[in-house]
Amino acid sequence: NIPATASGLPEGVHKGPQLPDGSYQVSATGPVYRGPGAPATGPRHHYMFEVYALDTKLDVQPTADAFETRANVLKAMQGHILGKAVYGGLFRRPQ
């Protein structure tokens, strides 16, 4: 639920599930965005960010399981998607 008026995503937001604008941050390890975490050795990790434009605000609360939360969000989005963008990147921590 990033507001339609948002023109960017700020750095350094507080840790916790709900942000002041009403949006949520969730990762596979808890209620916080961690960013890329690939090690310095080995292959680069692939990261995919999916952004959807919806015609409604969703009322889906995060669960203890990030994968369940994702499934709930995708289900709630059905019939409300106006557009979608995917941004992919590769990352490996500098040595």
PDB file of N, CA and C in Angstrom:
ATOM      1  N   ASN A   1       0.817  -1.196   0.000  1.00  0.00           N
ATOM      2  CA  ASN A   1       0.000   0.000   0.000  1.00  0.00           C
ATOM      3  C   ASN A   1       0.860   1.258   0.000  1.00  0.00           C
ATOM      4  N   ILE A   2       1.756   1.343  -0.932  1.00  0.00           N
ATOM      5  CA  ILE A   2       2.518   2.576  -1.101  1.00  0.00           C
ATOM      6  C   ILE A   2       1.555   3.593  -1.703  1.00  0.00           C
ATOM      7  N   PRO A   3       1.416   4.761  -1.103  1.00  0.00           N
ATOM      8  CA  PRO A   3       0.462   5.743  -1.625  1.00  0.00           C
ATOM      9  C   PRO A   3       0.755   6.119  -3.079  1.00  0.00           C
ATOM     10  N   ALA A   4      -0.297   6.377  -3.846  1.00  0.00           N
ATOM     11  CA  ALA A   4      -0.146   6.750  -5.252  1.00  0.00           C
ATOM     12  C   ALA A   4       0.608   8.060  -5.402  1.00  0.00           C
ATOM     13  N   THR A   5       0.645   8.865  -4.364  1.00  0.00           N
ATOM     14  CA  THR A   5       1.348  10.149  -4.412  1.00  0.00           C
ATOM     15  C   THR A   5       2.850  10.002  -4.188  1.00  0.00           C
ATOM     16  N   ALA A   6       3.305   8.816  -3.803  1.00  0.00           N
ATOM     17  CA  ALA A   6       4.732   8.604  -3.535  1.00  0.00           C
ATOM     18  C   ALA A   6       5.533   8.741  -4.824  1.00  0.00           C
ATOM     19  N   SER A   7       6.656   9.436  -4.734  1.00  0.00           N
ATOM     20  CA  SER A   7       7.523   9.585  -5.908  1.00  0.00           C
ATOM     21  C   SER A   7       8.858   8.877  -5.696  1.00  0.00           C
ATOM     22  N   GLY A   8       8.984   8.146  -4.592  1.00  0.00           N
ATOM     23  CA  GLY A   8      10.203   7.409  -4.302  1.00  0.00           C
ATOM     24  C   GLY A   8      10.049   6.652  -3.004  1.00  0.00           C
ATOM     25  N   LEU A   9      11.058   5.888  -2.679  1.00  0.00           N
ATOM     26  CA  LEU A   9      11.080   5.150  -1.424  1.00  0.00           C
ATOM     27  C   LEU A   9      12.252   5.670  -0.605  1.00  0.00           C
ATOM     28  N   PRO A  10      12.006   6.191   0.596  1.00  0.00           N
ATOM     29  CA  PRO A  10      13.086   6.785   1.380  1.00  0.00           C
ATOM     30  C   PRO A  10      14.036   5.743   1.952  1.00  0.00           C
ATOM     31  N   GLU A  11      15.253   6.162   2.201  1.00  0.00           N
ATOM     32  CA  GLU A  11      16.229   5.311   2.877  1.00  0.00           C
ATOM     33  C   GLU A  11      16.060   5.462   4.382  1.00  0.00           C
ATOM     34  N   GLY A  12      16.513   4.469   5.115  1.00  0.00           N
ATOM     35  CA  GLY A  12      16.595   4.569   6.567  1.00  0.00           C
ATOM     36  C   GLY A  12      15.270   4.619   7.301  1.00  0.00           C
ATOM     37  N   VAL A  13      14.218   4.013   6.751  1.00  0.00           N
ATOM     38  CA  VAL A  13      12.945   4.006   7.473  1.00  0.00           C
ATOM     39  C   VAL A  13      13.078   3.135   8.713  1.00  0.00           C
ATOM     40  N   HIS A  14      12.254   3.404   9.718  1.00  0.00           N
ATOM     41  CA  HIS A  14      12.346   2.653  10.964  1.00  0.00           C
ATOM     42  C   HIS A  14      12.035   1.183  10.735  1.00  0.00           C
ATOM     43  N   LYS A  15      12.582   0.341  11.591  1.00  0.00           N
ATOM     44  CA  LYS A  15      12.309  -1.089  11.497  1.00  0.00           C
ATOM     45  C   LYS A  15      10.972  -1.365  12.164  1.00  0.00           C
ATOM     46  N   GLY A  16      10.201  -2.188  11.532  1.00  0.00           N
ATOM     47  CA  GLY A  16       8.885  -2.536  12.045  1.00  0.00           C
ATOM     48  C   GLY A  16       7.956  -2.773  10.884  1.00  0.00           C
ATOM     49  N   PRO A  17       6.862  -3.467  11.138  1.00  0.00           N
ATOM     50  CA  PRO A  17       6.016  -3.864  10.022  1.00  0.00           C
ATOM     51  C   PRO A  17       5.290  -2.713   9.329  1.00  0.00           C
ATOM     52  N   GLN A  18       4.709  -1.771  10.078  1.00  0.00           N
ATOM     53  CA  GLN A  18       3.917  -0.727   9.434  1.00  0.00           C
ATOM     54  C   GLN A  18       4.664   0.598   9.438  1.00  0.00           C
ATOM     55  N   LEU A  19       4.677   1.233   8.270  1.00  0.00           N
ATOM     56  CA  LEU A  19       5.353   2.513   8.109  1.00  0.00           C
ATOM     57  C   LEU A  19       4.358   3.652   8.315  1.00  0.00           C
ATOM     58  N   PRO A  20       4.842   4.870   8.567  1.00  0.00           N
ATOM     59  CA  PRO A  20       3.943   5.997   8.838  1.00  0.00           C
ATOM     60  C   PRO A  20       2.904   6.261   7.745  1.00  0.00           C
ATOM     61  N   ASP A  21       3.225   5.930   6.477  1.00  0.00           N
ATOM     62  CA  ASP A  21       2.265   6.180   5.392  1.00  0.00           C
ATOM     63  C   ASP A  21       1.237   5.062   5.238  1.00  0.00           C
ATOM     64  N   GLY A  22       1.294   4.044   6.107  1.00  0.00           N
ATOM     65  CA  GLY A  22       0.331   2.948   6.060  1.00  0.00           C
ATOM     66  C   GLY A  22       0.815   1.732   5.301  1.00  0.00           C
ATOM     67  N   SER A  23       1.961   1.832   4.630  1.00  0.00           N
ATOM     68  CA  SER A  23       2.493   0.676   3.911  1.00  0.00           C
ATOM     69  C   SER A  23       3.208  -0.252   4.893  1.00  0.00           C
ATOM     70  N   TYR A  24       3.490  -1.461   4.431  1.00  0.00           N
ATOM     71  CA  TYR A  24       4.155  -2.465   5.254  1.00  0.00           C
ATOM     72  C   TYR A  24       5.452  -2.891   4.594  1.00  0.00           C
ATOM     73  N   GLN A  25       6.409  -3.293   5.414  1.00  0.00           N
ATOM     74  CA  GLN A  25       7.632  -3.897   4.892  1.00  0.00           C
ATOM     75  C   GLN A  25       7.736  -5.295   5.483  1.00  0.00           C
ATOM     76  N   VAL A  26       7.951  -6.275   4.608  1.00  0.00           N
ATOM     77  CA  VAL A  26       7.991  -7.673   5.016  1.00  0.00           C
ATOM     78  C   VAL A  26       9.089  -8.367   4.229  1.00  0.00           C
ATOM     79  N   SER A  27       9.867  -9.186   4.904  1.00  0.00           N
ATOM     80  CA  SER A  27      10.844 -10.028   4.213  1.00  0.00           C
ATOM     81  C   SER A  27      10.670 -11.456   4.711  1.00  0.00           C
ATOM     82  N   ALA A  28      11.403 -12.369   4.131  1.00  0.00           N
ATOM     83  CA  ALA A  28      11.290 -13.775   4.518  1.00  0.00           C
ATOM     84  C   ALA A  28      11.731 -14.012   5.957  1.00  0.00           C
ATOM     85  N   THR A  29      12.443 -13.051   6.546  1.00  0.00           N
ATOM     86  CA  THR A  29      12.936 -13.238   7.912  1.00  0.00           C
ATOM     87  C   THR A  29      12.258 -12.343   8.937  1.00  0.00           C
ATOM     88  N   GLY A  30      11.227 -11.619   8.545  1.00  0.00           N
ATOM     89  CA  GLY A  30      10.524 -10.809   9.534  1.00  0.00           C
ATOM     90  C   GLY A  30       9.986  -9.510   8.979  1.00  0.00           C
ATOM     91  N   PRO A  31       9.473  -8.655   9.881  1.00  0.00           N
ATOM     92  CA  PRO A  31       8.805  -7.420   9.465  1.00  0.00           C
ATOM     93  C   PRO A  31       9.766  -6.258   9.219  1.00  0.00           C
ATOM     94  N   VAL A  32      10.701  -6.457   8.304  1.00  0.00           N
ATOM     95  CA  VAL A  32      11.670  -5.410   7.985  1.00  0.00           C
ATOM     96  C   VAL A  32      12.270  -5.713   6.614  1.00  0.00           C
ATOM     97  N   TYR A  33      12.541  -4.666   5.841  1.00  0.00           N
ATOM     98  CA  TYR A  33      13.226  -4.871   4.569  1.00  0.00           C
ATOM     99  C   TYR A  33      14.718  -4.946   4.857  1.00  0.00           C
ATOM    100  N   ARG A  34      15.374  -6.006   4.409  1.00  0.00           N
ATOM    101  CA  ARG A  34      16.795  -6.203   4.694  1.00  0.00           C
ATOM    102  C   ARG A  34      17.697  -5.825   3.535  1.00  0.00           C
ATOM    103  N   GLY A  35      17.182  -5.763   2.340  1.00  0.00           N
ATOM    104  CA  GLY A  35      18.023  -5.459   1.193  1.00  0.00           C
ATOM    105  C   GLY A  35      18.840  -6.664   0.768  1.00  0.00           C
ATOM    106  N   PRO A  36      19.620  -6.513  -0.300  1.00  0.00           N
ATOM    107  CA  PRO A  36      20.436  -7.624  -0.785  1.00  0.00           C
ATOM    108  C   PRO A  36      21.418  -8.098   0.282  1.00  0.00           C
ATOM    109  N   GLY A  37      21.578  -9.410   0.397  1.00  0.00           N
ATOM    110  CA  GLY A  37      22.452  -9.958   1.427  1.00  0.00           C
ATOM    111  C   GLY A  37      23.364 -11.053   0.927  1.00  0.00           C
ATOM    112  N   ALA A  38      23.735 -11.006  -0.334  1.00  0.00           N
ATOM    113  CA  ALA A  38      24.597 -12.047  -0.888  1.00  0.00           C
ATOM    114  C   ALA A  38      25.997 -11.965  -0.278  1.00  0.00           C
ATOM    115  N   PRO A  39      26.664 -13.105  -0.118  1.00  0.00           N
ATOM    116  CA  PRO A  39      28.027 -13.087   0.415  1.00  0.00           C
ATOM    117  C   PRO A  39      29.019 -12.537  -0.612  1.00  0.00           C
ATOM    118  N   ALA A  40      30.241 -12.267  -0.159  1.00  0.00           N
ATOM    119  CA  ALA A  40      31.279 -11.728  -1.044  1.00  0.00           C
ATOM    120  C   ALA A  40      31.851 -12.796  -1.967  1.00  0.00           C
ATOM    121  N   THR A  41      31.689 -14.051  -1.612  1.00  0.00           N
ATOM    122  CA  THR A  41      32.202 -15.133  -2.452  1.00  0.00           C
ATOM    123  C   THR A  41      31.036 -15.843  -3.120  1.00  0.00           C
ATOM    124  N   GLY A  42      31.329 -16.531  -4.200  1.00  0.00           N
ATOM    125  CA  GLY A  42      30.284 -17.263  -4.899  1.00  0.00           C
ATOM    126  C   GLY A  42      29.613 -16.410  -5.953  1.00  0.00           C
ATOM    127  N   PRO A  43      28.584 -16.964  -6.573  1.00  0.00           N
ATOM    128  CA  PRO A  43      27.919 -16.251  -7.665  1.00  0.00           C
ATOM    129  C   PRO A  43      27.091 -15.077  -7.151  1.00  0.00           C
ATOM    130  N   ARG A  44      26.806 -14.161  -8.056  1.00  0.00           N
ATOM    131  CA  ARG A  44      25.911 -13.054  -7.716  1.00  0.00           C
ATOM    132  C   ARG A  44      24.513 -13.603  -7.476  1.00  0.00           C
ATOM    133  N   HIS A  45      23.791 -12.980  -6.571  1.00  0.00           N
ATOM    134  CA  HIS A  45      22.403 -13.366  -6.309  1.00  0.00           C
ATOM    135  C   HIS A  45      21.483 -12.514  -7.167  1.00  0.00           C
ATOM    136  N   HIS A  46      20.393 -13.114  -7.621  1.00  0.00           N
ATOM    137  CA  HIS A  46      19.384 -12.408  -8.412  1.00  0.00           C
ATOM    138  C   HIS A  46      18.307 -11.868  -7.475  1.00  0.00           C
ATOM    139  N   TYR A  47      17.917 -10.632  -7.670  1.00  0.00           N
ATOM    140  CA  TYR A  47      16.847 -10.013  -6.890  1.00  0.00           C
ATOM    141  C   TYR A  47      15.814  -9.459  -7.859  1.00  0.00           C
ATOM    142  N   MET A  48      14.551  -9.758  -7.602  1.00  0.00           N
ATOM    143  CA  MET A  48      13.460  -9.283  -8.447  1.00  0.00           C
ATOM    144  C   MET A  48      12.485  -8.495  -7.572  1.00  0.00           C
ATOM    145  N   PHE A  49      12.184  -7.286  -7.991  1.00  0.00           N
ATOM    146  CA  PHE A  49      11.232  -6.432  -7.287  1.00  0.00           C
ATOM    147  C   PHE A  49      10.012  -6.261  -8.183  1.00  0.00           C
ATOM    148  N   GLU A  50       8.851  -6.641  -7.680  1.00  0.00           N
ATOM    149  CA  GLU A  50       7.603  -6.507  -8.424  1.00  0.00           C
ATOM    150  C   GLU A  50       6.812  -5.341  -7.840  1.00  0.00           C
ATOM    151  N   VAL A  51       6.384  -4.436  -8.706  1.00  0.00           N
ATOM    152  CA  VAL A  51       5.604  -3.278  -8.280  1.00  0.00           C
ATOM    153  C   VAL A  51       4.298  -3.294  -9.061  1.00  0.00           C
ATOM    154  N   TYR A  52       3.196  -3.181  -8.350  1.00  0.00           N
ATOM    155  CA  TYR A  52       1.876  -3.224  -8.976  1.00  0.00           C
ATOM    156  C   TYR A  52       1.149  -1.905  -8.758  1.00  0.00           C
ATOM    157  N   ALA A  53       0.424  -1.458  -9.776  1.00  0.00           N
ATOM    158  CA  ALA A  53      -0.504  -0.335  -9.642  1.00  0.00           C
ATOM    159  C   ALA A  53      -1.891  -0.948  -9.487  1.00  0.00           C
ATOM    160  N   LEU A  54      -2.580  -0.564  -8.423  1.00  0.00           N
ATOM    161  CA  LEU A  54      -3.898  -1.126  -8.128  1.00  0.00           C
ATOM    162  C   LEU A  54      -4.955  -0.035  -8.132  1.00  0.00           C
ATOM    163  N   ASP A  55      -6.198  -0.447  -8.302  1.00  0.00           N
ATOM    164  CA  ASP A  55      -7.300   0.515  -8.262  1.00  0.00           C
ATOM    165  C   ASP A  55      -7.951   0.581  -6.886  1.00  0.00           C
ATOM    166  N   THR A  56      -7.302  -0.006  -5.885  1.00  0.00           N
ATOM    167  CA  THR A  56      -7.828   0.003  -4.525  1.00  0.00           C
ATOM    168  C   THR A  56      -6.687  -0.150  -3.535  1.00  0.00           C
ATOM    169  N   LYS A  57      -6.935   0.217  -2.299  1.00  0.00           N
ATOM    170  CA  LYS A  57      -5.973  -0.012  -1.222  1.00  0.00           C
ATOM    171  C   LYS A  57      -6.308  -1.366  -0.604  1.00  0.00           C
ATOM    172  N   LEU A  58      -5.307  -2.180  -0.378  1.00  0.00           N
ATOM    173  CA  LEU A  58      -5.538  -3.513   0.177  1.00  0.00           C
ATOM    174  C   LEU A  58      -5.586  -3.469   1.696  1.00  0.00           C
ATOM    175  N   ASP A  59      -6.390  -4.333   2.267  1.00  0.00           N
ATOM    176  CA  ASP A  59      -6.475  -4.467   3.722  1.00  0.00           C
ATOM    177  C   ASP A  59      -6.013  -5.872   4.087  1.00  0.00           C
ATOM    178  N   VAL A  60      -4.702  -6.094   3.968  1.00  0.00           N
ATOM    179  CA  VAL A  60      -4.106  -7.395   4.262  1.00  0.00           C
ATOM    180  C   VAL A  60      -3.028  -7.168   5.308  1.00  0.00           C
ATOM    181  N   GLN A  61      -3.167  -7.804   6.445  1.00  0.00           N
ATOM    182  CA  GLN A  61      -2.184  -7.672   7.514  1.00  0.00           C
ATOM    183  C   GLN A  61      -1.087  -8.720   7.342  1.00  0.00           C
ATOM    184  N   PRO A  62       0.165  -8.363   7.625  1.00  0.00           N
ATOM    185  CA  PRO A  62       1.245  -9.353   7.552  1.00  0.00           C
ATOM    186  C   PRO A  62       1.019 -10.478   8.558  1.00  0.00           C
ATOM    187  N   THR A  63       1.407 -11.682   8.177  1.00  0.00           N
ATOM    188  CA  THR A  63       1.358 -12.822   9.086  1.00  0.00           C
ATOM    189  C   THR A  63       2.780 -13.126   9.544  1.00  0.00           C
ATOM    190  N   ALA A  64       2.935 -14.111  10.390  1.00  0.00           N
ATOM    191  CA  ALA A  64       4.267 -14.508  10.849  1.00  0.00           C
ATOM    192  C   ALA A  64       5.078 -15.147   9.725  1.00  0.00           C
ATOM    193  N   ASP A  65       4.414 -15.622   8.693  1.00  0.00           N
ATOM    194  CA  ASP A  65       5.065 -16.279   7.560  1.00  0.00           C
ATOM    195  C   ASP A  65       5.009 -15.352   6.346  1.00  0.00           C
ATOM    196  N   ALA A  66       6.159 -14.850   5.911  1.00  0.00           N
ATOM    197  CA  ALA A  66       6.206 -13.905   4.792  1.00  0.00           C
ATOM    198  C   ALA A  66       5.645 -14.504   3.510  1.00  0.00           C
ATOM    199  N   PHE A  67       5.805 -15.800   3.312  1.00  0.00           N
ATOM    200  CA  PHE A  67       5.299 -16.436   2.095  1.00  0.00           C
ATOM    201  C   PHE A  67       3.769 -16.514   2.124  1.00  0.00           C
ATOM    202  N   GLU A  68       3.206 -16.725   3.301  1.00  0.00           N
ATOM    203  CA  GLU A  68       1.746 -16.690   3.451  1.00  0.00           C
ATOM    204  C   GLU A  68       1.231 -15.270   3.213  1.00  0.00           C
ATOM    205  N   THR A  69       1.952 -14.277   3.742  1.00  0.00           N
ATOM    206  CA  THR A  69       1.569 -12.881   3.523  1.00  0.00           C
ATOM    207  C   THR A  69       1.557 -12.565   2.034  1.00  0.00           C
ATOM    208  N   ARG A  70       2.597 -12.988   1.319  1.00  0.00           N
ATOM    209  CA  ARG A  70       2.653 -12.742  -0.128  1.00  0.00           C
ATOM    210  C   ARG A  70       1.461 -13.374  -0.836  1.00  0.00           C
ATOM    211  N   ALA A  71       1.141 -14.614  -0.486  1.00  0.00           N
ATOM    212  CA  ALA A  71       0.002 -15.296  -1.109  1.00  0.00           C
ATOM    213  C   ALA A  71      -1.294 -14.544  -0.823  1.00  0.00           C
ATOM    214  N   ASN A  72      -1.457 -14.049   0.399  1.00  0.00           N
ATOM    215  CA  ASN A  72      -2.661 -13.299   0.766  1.00  0.00           C
ATOM    216  C   ASN A  72      -2.759 -11.988  -0.016  1.00  0.00           C
ATOM    217  N   VAL A  73      -1.626 -11.311  -0.183  1.00  0.00           N
ATOM    218  CA  VAL A  73      -1.609 -10.055  -0.941  1.00  0.00           C
ATOM    219  C   VAL A  73      -1.952 -10.317  -2.403  1.00  0.00           C
ATOM    220  N   LEU A  74      -1.328 -11.326  -3.007  1.00  0.00           N
ATOM    221  CA  LEU A  74      -1.605 -11.641  -4.410  1.00  0.00           C
ATOM    222  C   LEU A  74      -3.076 -11.997  -4.620  1.00  0.00           C
ATOM    223  N   LYS A  75      -3.656 -12.721  -3.676  1.00  0.00           N
ATOM    224  CA  LYS A  75      -5.073 -13.079  -3.778  1.00  0.00           C
ATOM    225  C   LYS A  75      -5.953 -11.829  -3.687  1.00  0.00           C
ATOM    226  N   ALA A  76      -5.624 -10.933  -2.757  1.00  0.00           N
ATOM    227  CA  ALA A  76      -6.414  -9.707  -2.581  1.00  0.00           C
ATOM    228  C   ALA A  76      -6.290  -8.774  -3.786  1.00  0.00           C
ATOM    229  N   MET A  77      -5.182  -8.857  -4.518  1.00  0.00           N
ATOM    230  CA  MET A  77      -4.958  -7.995  -5.680  1.00  0.00           C
ATOM    231  C   MET A  77      -5.759  -8.427  -6.901  1.00  0.00           C
ATOM    232  N   GLN A  78      -6.201  -9.673  -6.931  1.00  0.00           N
ATOM    233  CA  GLN A  78      -6.896 -10.190  -8.115  1.00  0.00           C
ATOM    234  C   GLN A  78      -8.081  -9.296  -8.470  1.00  0.00           C
ATOM    235  N   GLY A  79      -8.136  -8.907  -9.733  1.00  0.00           N
ATOM    236  CA  GLY A  79      -9.209  -8.051 -10.219  1.00  0.00           C
ATOM    237  C   GLY A  79      -8.974  -6.567  -9.995  1.00  0.00           C
ATOM    238  N   HIS A  80      -7.842  -6.199  -9.379  1.00  0.00           N
ATOM    239  CA  HIS A  80      -7.554  -4.792  -9.076  1.00  0.00           C
ATOM    240  C   HIS A  80      -6.260  -4.291  -9.704  1.00  0.00           C
ATOM    241  N   ILE A  81      -5.588  -5.106 -10.506  1.00  0.00           N
ATOM    242  CA  ILE A  81      -4.288  -4.733 -11.066  1.00  0.00           C
ATOM    243  C   ILE A  81      -4.475  -3.868 -12.312  1.00  0.00           C
ATOM    244  N   LEU A  82      -3.915  -2.656 -12.247  1.00  0.00           N
ATOM    245  CA  LEU A  82      -3.941  -1.740 -13.388  1.00  0.00           C
ATOM    246  C   LEU A  82      -2.653  -1.840 -14.200  1.00  0.00           C
ATOM    247  N   GLY A  83      -1.560  -2.191 -13.540  1.00  0.00           N
ATOM    248  CA  GLY A  83      -0.272  -2.299 -14.209  1.00  0.00           C
ATOM    249  C   GLY A  83       0.737  -2.981 -13.308  1.00  0.00           C
ATOM    250  N   LYS A  84       1.829  -3.449 -13.920  1.00  0.00           N
ATOM    251  CA  LYS A  84       2.871  -4.144 -13.173  1.00  0.00           C
ATOM    252  C   LYS A  84       4.221  -3.821 -13.796  1.00  0.00           C
ATOM    253  N   ALA A  85       5.229  -3.667 -12.948  1.00  0.00           N
ATOM    254  CA  ALA A  85       6.607  -3.502 -13.405  1.00  0.00           C
ATOM    255  C   ALA A  85       7.483  -4.444 -12.594  1.00  0.00           C
ATOM    256  N   VAL A  86       8.532  -4.945 -13.220  1.00  0.00           N
ATOM    257  CA  VAL A  86       9.481  -5.823 -12.541  1.00  0.00           C
ATOM    258  C   VAL A  86      10.873  -5.252 -12.756  1.00  0.00           C
ATOM    259  N   TYR A  87      11.601  -5.110 -11.670  1.00  0.00           N
ATOM    260  CA  TYR A  87      12.981  -4.632 -11.732  1.00  0.00           C
ATOM    261  C   TYR A  87      13.867  -5.751 -11.212  1.00  0.00           C
ATOM    262  N   GLY A  88      14.841  -6.146 -11.993  1.00  0.00           N
ATOM    263  CA  GLY A  88      15.746  -7.213 -11.583  1.00  0.00           C
ATOM    264  C   GLY A  88      17.159  -6.696 -11.441  1.00  0.00           C
ATOM    265  N   GLY A  89      17.872  -7.270 -10.506  1.00  0.00           N
ATOM    266  CA  GLY A  89      19.256  -6.873 -10.311  1.00  0.00           C
ATOM    267  C   GLY A  89      20.094  -8.033  -9.820  1.00  0.00           C
ATOM    268  N   LEU A  90      21.395  -7.912  -9.995  1.00  0.00           N
ATOM    269  CA  LEU A  90      22.359  -8.891  -9.502  1.00  0.00           C
ATOM    270  C   LEU A  90      23.188  -8.229  -8.414  1.00  0.00           C
ATOM    271  N   PHE A  91      23.522  -8.986  -7.378  1.00  0.00           N
ATOM    272  CA  PHE A  91      24.296  -8.409  -6.281  1.00  0.00           C
ATOM    273  C   PHE A  91      25.237  -9.449  -5.695  1.00  0.00           C
ATOM    274  N   ARG A  92      26.438  -9.000  -5.381  1.00  0.00           N
ATOM    275  CA  ARG A  92      27.407  -9.772  -4.600  1.00  0.00           C
ATOM    276  C   ARG A  92      28.114  -8.752  -3.717  1.00  0.00           C
ATOM    277  N   ARG A  93      28.225  -9.053  -2.437  1.00  0.00           N
ATOM    278  CA  ARG A  93      28.857  -8.138  -1.490  1.00  0.00           C
ATOM    279  C   ARG A  93      30.318  -7.911  -1.885  1.00  0.00           C
ATOM    280  N   PRO A  94      30.796  -6.665  -1.856  1.00  0.00           N
ATOM    281  CA  PRO A  94      32.208  -6.412  -2.177  1.00  0.00           C
ATOM    282  C   PRO A  94      33.132  -7.124  -1.186  1.00  0.00           C
ATOM    283  N   GLN A  95      34.279  -7.561  -1.680  1.00  0.00           N
ATOM    284  CA  GLN A  95      35.239  -8.247  -0.797  1.00  0.00           C
ATOM    285  C   GLN A  95      36.069  -7.255  -0.022  1.00  0.00           C
TER     286      GLN A  95
END
